[in-house]
Amino acid sequence: MTETLTFQTGTFQTQQGSKYLQQLCKHFAHKIEVDYDAQSARMALPTGPATLAADETTLTARISGADDAALERARHIIDDHLKRFAHRENFEAMGWETL
């Protein structure tokens, strides 16, 4: 039986989206499979596949999980790391929406 995943999208308005995308990917690449360039990324988070996209004004994350607990963990993984990387922008959390 195939596991059904739920998806959420998070956004962070920043002009440093590409920088943060690359920082996240370089950091995560030590523990999980990551494929990225300056504008996009695919990551094998433990909760399910995730993608990142950066443009001139926004960093967008699309996460997946089998249940609410998995989505919460994925949000925490992304938000917690961005808090460290984007501390100069007073980052607290992405704006998350269920798809």
C-alpha atoms as a PDB file:
ATOM      1  CA  MET A   1       0.000   0.000   0.000  1.00  0.00           C
ATOM      2  CA  THR A   2       1.328   3.435  -0.935  1.00  0.00           C
ATOM      3  CA  GLU A   3       1.613   6.039   1.788  1.00  0.00           C
ATOM      4  CA  THR A   4      -0.446   9.184   1.153  1.00  0.00           C
ATOM      5  CA  LEU A   5       1.473  12.386   1.781  1.00  0.00           C
ATOM      6  CA  THR A   6       0.087  15.784   2.681  1.00  0.00           C
ATOM      7  CA  PHE A   7       1.912  18.858   1.411  1.00  0.00           C
ATOM      8  CA  GLN A   8       2.425  22.311   2.860  1.00  0.00           C
ATOM      9  CA  THR A   9       4.083  25.358   1.378  1.00  0.00           C
ATOM     10  CA  GLY A  10       5.996  27.921   3.404  1.00  0.00           C
ATOM     11  CA  THR A  11       7.134  31.351   2.256  1.00  0.00           C
ATOM     12  CA  PHE A  12       9.713  33.789   3.574  1.00  0.00           C
ATOM     13  CA  GLN A  13       9.911  37.250   2.009  1.00  0.00           C
ATOM     14  CA  THR A  14      13.632  37.957   1.644  1.00  0.00           C
ATOM     15  CA  GLN A  15      16.098  39.209  -0.912  1.00  0.00           C
ATOM     16  CA  GLN A  16      18.553  36.570   0.370  1.00  0.00           C
ATOM     17  CA  GLY A  17      16.519  33.530  -0.695  1.00  0.00           C
ATOM     18  CA  SER A  18      19.240  31.987  -2.847  1.00  0.00           C
ATOM     19  CA  LYS A  19      21.815  32.427  -0.085  1.00  0.00           C
ATOM     20  CA  TYR A  20      19.569  30.730   2.497  1.00  0.00           C
ATOM     21  CA  LEU A  21      18.573  27.954   0.094  1.00  0.00           C
ATOM     22  CA  GLN A  22      22.229  27.125  -0.497  1.00  0.00           C
ATOM     23  CA  GLN A  23      23.088  27.330   3.224  1.00  0.00           C
ATOM     24  CA  LEU A  24      20.269  24.953   4.101  1.00  0.00           C
ATOM     25  CA  CYS A  25      21.279  22.495   1.396  1.00  0.00           C
ATOM     26  CA  LYS A  26      24.980  22.517   2.261  1.00  0.00           C
ATOM     27  CA  HIS A  27      24.087  21.952   5.906  1.00  0.00           C
ATOM     28  CA  PHE A  28      21.583  19.158   5.242  1.00  0.00           C
ATOM     29  CA  ALA A  29      23.814  17.427   2.660  1.00  0.00           C
ATOM     30  CA  HIS A  30      25.907  16.046   5.523  1.00  0.00           C
ATOM     31  CA  LYS A  31      22.944  13.955   6.703  1.00  0.00           C
ATOM     32  CA  ILE A  32      20.432  13.513   3.870  1.00  0.00           C
ATOM     33  CA  GLU A  33      20.303  13.343   0.074  1.00  0.00           C
ATOM     34  CA  VAL A  34      20.178  16.870  -1.398  1.00  0.00           C
ATOM     35  CA  ASP A  35      20.242  18.109  -4.995  1.00  0.00           C
ATOM     36  CA  TYR A  36      20.385  21.874  -5.519  1.00  0.00           C
ATOM     37  CA  ASP A  37      21.507  24.893  -7.479  1.00  0.00           C
ATOM     38  CA  ALA A  38      21.206  28.621  -6.714  1.00  0.00           C
ATOM     39  CA  GLN A  39      17.424  28.740  -7.348  1.00  0.00           C
ATOM     40  CA  SER A  40      16.007  25.319  -6.488  1.00  0.00           C
ATOM     41  CA  ALA A  41      16.546  22.260  -4.339  1.00  0.00           C
ATOM     42  CA  ARG A  42      15.209  18.797  -3.648  1.00  0.00           C
ATOM     43  CA  MET A  43      15.819  17.270  -0.228  1.00  0.00           C
ATOM     44  CA  ALA A  44      15.030  13.862   1.240  1.00  0.00           C
ATOM     45  CA  LEU A  45      13.855  14.981   4.682  1.00  0.00           C
ATOM     46  CA  PRO A  46      13.108  12.125   7.107  1.00  0.00           C
ATOM     47  CA  THR A  47       9.432  13.170   7.019  1.00  0.00           C
ATOM     48  CA  GLY A  48       9.181  13.035   3.212  1.00  0.00           C
ATOM     49  CA  PRO A  49      10.452  14.833   0.126  1.00  0.00           C
ATOM     50  CA  ALA A  50      10.862  18.613   0.263  1.00  0.00           C
ATOM     51  CA  THR A  51      11.677  21.249  -2.328  1.00  0.00           C
ATOM     52  CA  LEU A  52      12.968  24.795  -2.052  1.00  0.00           C
ATOM     53  CA  ALA A  53      12.794  27.627  -4.569  1.00  0.00           C
ATOM     54  CA  ALA A  54      14.345  31.077  -4.411  1.00  0.00           C
ATOM     55  CA  ASP A  55      13.765  34.196  -6.469  1.00  0.00           C
ATOM     56  CA  GLU A  56      14.571  37.879  -5.987  1.00  0.00           C
ATOM     57  CA  THR A  57      11.996  38.373  -3.220  1.00  0.00           C
ATOM     58  CA  THR A  58      11.008  35.012  -1.734  1.00  0.00           C
ATOM     59  CA  LEU A  59      12.259  31.697  -0.426  1.00  0.00           C
ATOM     60  CA  THR A  60       9.584  29.017  -0.792  1.00  0.00           C
ATOM     61  CA  ALA A  61       9.607  25.562   0.780  1.00  0.00           C
ATOM     62  CA  ARG A  62       7.274  22.694  -0.107  1.00  0.00           C
ATOM     63  CA  ILE A  63       7.292  19.942   2.495  1.00  0.00           C
ATOM     64  CA  SER A  64       5.488  16.632   2.778  1.00  0.00           C
ATOM     65  CA  GLY A  65       4.493  14.240   5.501  1.00  0.00           C
ATOM     66  CA  ALA A  66       2.262  11.275   6.188  1.00  0.00           C
ATOM     67  CA  ASP A  67       0.452  13.002   9.072  1.00  0.00           C
ATOM     68  CA  ASP A  68       0.281  16.211  11.111  1.00  0.00           C
ATOM     69  CA  ALA A  69       3.198  15.139  13.307  1.00  0.00           C
ATOM     70  CA  ALA A  70       5.425  14.615  10.252  1.00  0.00           C
ATOM     71  CA  LEU A  71       4.456  18.005   8.830  1.00  0.00           C
ATOM     72  CA  GLU A  72       5.161  19.646  12.181  1.00  0.00           C
ATOM     73  CA  ARG A  73       8.590  18.029  12.261  1.00  0.00           C
ATOM     74  CA  ALA A  74       9.358  19.137   8.695  1.00  0.00           C
ATOM     75  CA  ARG A  75       8.239  22.716   9.459  1.00  0.00           C
ATOM     76  CA  HIS A  76      10.406  22.690  12.568  1.00  0.00           C
ATOM     77  CA  ILE A  77      13.450  21.435  10.628  1.00  0.00           C
ATOM     78  CA  ILE A  78      13.167  24.228   8.056  1.00  0.00           C
ATOM     79  CA  ASP A  79      12.157  27.024  10.442  1.00  0.00           C
ATOM     80  CA  ASP A  80      14.717  26.141  13.123  1.00  0.00           C
ATOM     81  CA  HIS A  81      17.610  26.196  10.686  1.00  0.00           C
ATOM     82  CA  LEU A  82      16.422  29.406   9.018  1.00  0.00           C
ATOM     83  CA  LYS A  83      16.237  31.078  12.445  1.00  0.00           C
ATOM     84  CA  ARG A  84      19.992  30.588  12.707  1.00  0.00           C
ATOM     85  CA  PHE A  85      20.830  31.497   9.120  1.00  0.00           C
ATOM     86  CA  ALA A  86      18.454  34.496   8.820  1.00  0.00           C
ATOM     87  CA  HIS A  87      18.846  35.905  12.340  1.00  0.00           C
ATOM     88  CA  ARG A  88      19.794  39.338  10.947  1.00  0.00           C
ATOM     89  CA  GLU A  89      16.332  39.500   9.355  1.00  0.00           C
ATOM     90  CA  ASN A  90      14.621  38.584  12.649  1.00  0.00           C
ATOM     91  CA  PHE A  91      13.227  35.439  11.033  1.00  0.00           C
ATOM     92  CA  GLU A  92      10.826  33.495  13.280  1.00  0.00           C
ATOM     93  CA  ALA A  93       8.941  31.110  10.960  1.00  0.00           C
ATOM     94  CA  MET A  94       7.772  30.737   7.392  1.00  0.00           C
ATOM     95  CA  GLY A  95       4.133  31.400   6.593  1.00  0.00           C
ATOM     96  CA  TRP A  96       2.841  27.825   6.112  1.00  0.00           C
ATOM     97  CA  GLU A  97      -0.238  26.766   4.122  1.00  0.00           C
ATOM     98  CA  THR A  98      -1.660  23.293   3.480  1.00  0.00           C
ATOM     99  CA  LEU A  99      -2.067  22.436  -0.171  1.00  0.00           C
END
